[in-house]
C-alpha atoms as a PDB file:
ATOM      1  CA  MET A   1      59.068  58.295 181.360  1.00  0.00           C
ATOM      2  CA  ASN A   2      60.798  56.520 184.241  1.00  0.00           C
ATOM      3  CA  ILE A   3      64.555  56.028 184.586  1.00  0.00           C
ATOM      4  CA  SER A   4      64.530  52.309 183.765  1.00  0.00           C
ATOM      5  CA  ARG A   5      62.805  52.962 180.458  1.00  0.00           C
ATOM      6  CA  LYS A   6      65.326  55.702 179.604  1.00  0.00           C
ATOM      7  CA  LEU A   7      68.235  53.389 180.391  1.00  0.00           C
ATOM      8  CA  GLY A   8      66.643  50.661 178.271  1.00  0.00           C
ATOM      9  CA  ILE A   9      66.420  53.044 175.322  1.00  0.00           C
ATOM     10  CA  LEU A  10      70.082  53.972 175.743  1.00  0.00           C
ATOM     11  CA  VAL A  11      71.073  50.291 175.760  1.00  0.00           C
ATOM     12  CA  PHE A  12      68.850  49.685 172.738  1.00  0.00           C
ATOM     13  CA  CYS A  13      70.689  52.492 170.887  1.00  0.00           C
ATOM     14  CA  GLY A  14      74.094  51.369 172.188  1.00  0.00           C
ATOM     15  CA  VAL A  15      74.032  48.027 170.422  1.00  0.00           C
ATOM     16  CA  PRO A  16      73.515  49.536 166.935  1.00  0.00           C
ATOM     17  CA  ALA A  17      76.189  52.103 167.759  1.00  0.00           C
ATOM     18  CA  ILE A  18      78.790  49.405 168.390  1.00  0.00           C
ATOM     19  CA  ILE A  19      77.810  46.933 165.684  1.00  0.00           C
ATOM     20  CA  GLY A  20      76.707  49.496 163.106  1.00  0.00           C
ATOM     21  CA  GLY A  21      79.845  51.537 163.652  1.00  0.00           C
ATOM     22  CA  GLY A  22      81.964  48.499 162.863  1.00  0.00           C
ATOM     23  CA  ILE A  23      79.950  47.720 159.749  1.00  0.00           C
ATOM     24  CA  ILE A  24      80.184  51.303 158.508  1.00  0.00           C
ATOM     25  CA  TYR A  25      83.923  51.355 159.163  1.00  0.00           C
ATOM     26  CA  GLY A  26      84.306  48.095 157.263  1.00  0.00           C
ATOM     27  CA  ILE A  27      82.418  49.491 154.269  1.00  0.00           C
ATOM     28  CA  ALA A  28      83.820  53.039 154.237  1.00  0.00           C
ATOM     29  CA  GLY A  29      87.298  52.399 155.625  1.00  0.00           C
ATOM     30  CA  SER A  30      87.512  55.632 157.625  1.00  0.00           C
ATOM     31  CA  TYR A  31      86.212  57.039 160.863  1.00  0.00           C
ATOM     32  CA  THR A  32      84.431  60.087 159.435  1.00  0.00           C
ATOM     33  CA  PRO A  33      81.277  58.183 158.349  1.00  0.00           C
ATOM     34  CA  VAL A  34      81.336  56.332 161.665  1.00  0.00           C
ATOM     35  CA  ALA A  35      81.358  59.641 163.553  1.00  0.00           C
ATOM     36  CA  VAL A  36      78.414  60.908 161.494  1.00  0.00           C
ATOM     37  CA  TYR A  37      76.518  57.677 162.174  1.00  0.00           C
ATOM     38  CA  GLU A  38      77.229  57.909 165.912  1.00  0.00           C
ATOM     39  CA  ILE A  39      76.087  61.536 166.058  1.00  0.00           C
ATOM     40  CA  LEU A  40      72.834  60.665 164.276  1.00  0.00           C
ATOM     41  CA  LEU A  41      72.198  57.852 166.762  1.00  0.00           C
ATOM     42  CA  TYR A  42      72.968  60.226 169.637  1.00  0.00           C
ATOM     43  CA  PHE A  43      70.389  62.722 168.374  1.00  0.00           C
ATOM     44  CA  ALA A  44      67.799  59.987 167.813  1.00  0.00           C
ATOM     45  CA  ALA A  45      68.283  58.642 171.339  1.00  0.00           C
ATOM     46  CA  GLY A  46      68.120  62.163 172.745  1.00  0.00           C
ATOM     47  CA  ALA A  47      64.874  62.820 170.881  1.00  0.00           C
ATOM     48  CA  ILE A  48      63.319  59.637 172.221  1.00  0.00           C
ATOM     49  CA  ILE A  49      64.452  60.281 175.788  1.00  0.00           C
ATOM     50  CA  GLY A  50      63.471  63.943 175.624  1.00  0.00           C
ATOM     51  CA  LYS A  51      59.802  63.122 175.060  1.00  0.00           C
END
């Protein structure tokens, strides 16, 4: 996988991290669920890039 595709995947995962993190914070009202959500996205992006 070339570098431009890897960067595109990171950008594609960055948008849900920002918007989804705000939505989860709005629903839950604390940063703990947001941190869990961000870690799950980090692992998913790492799994995609690691292929």
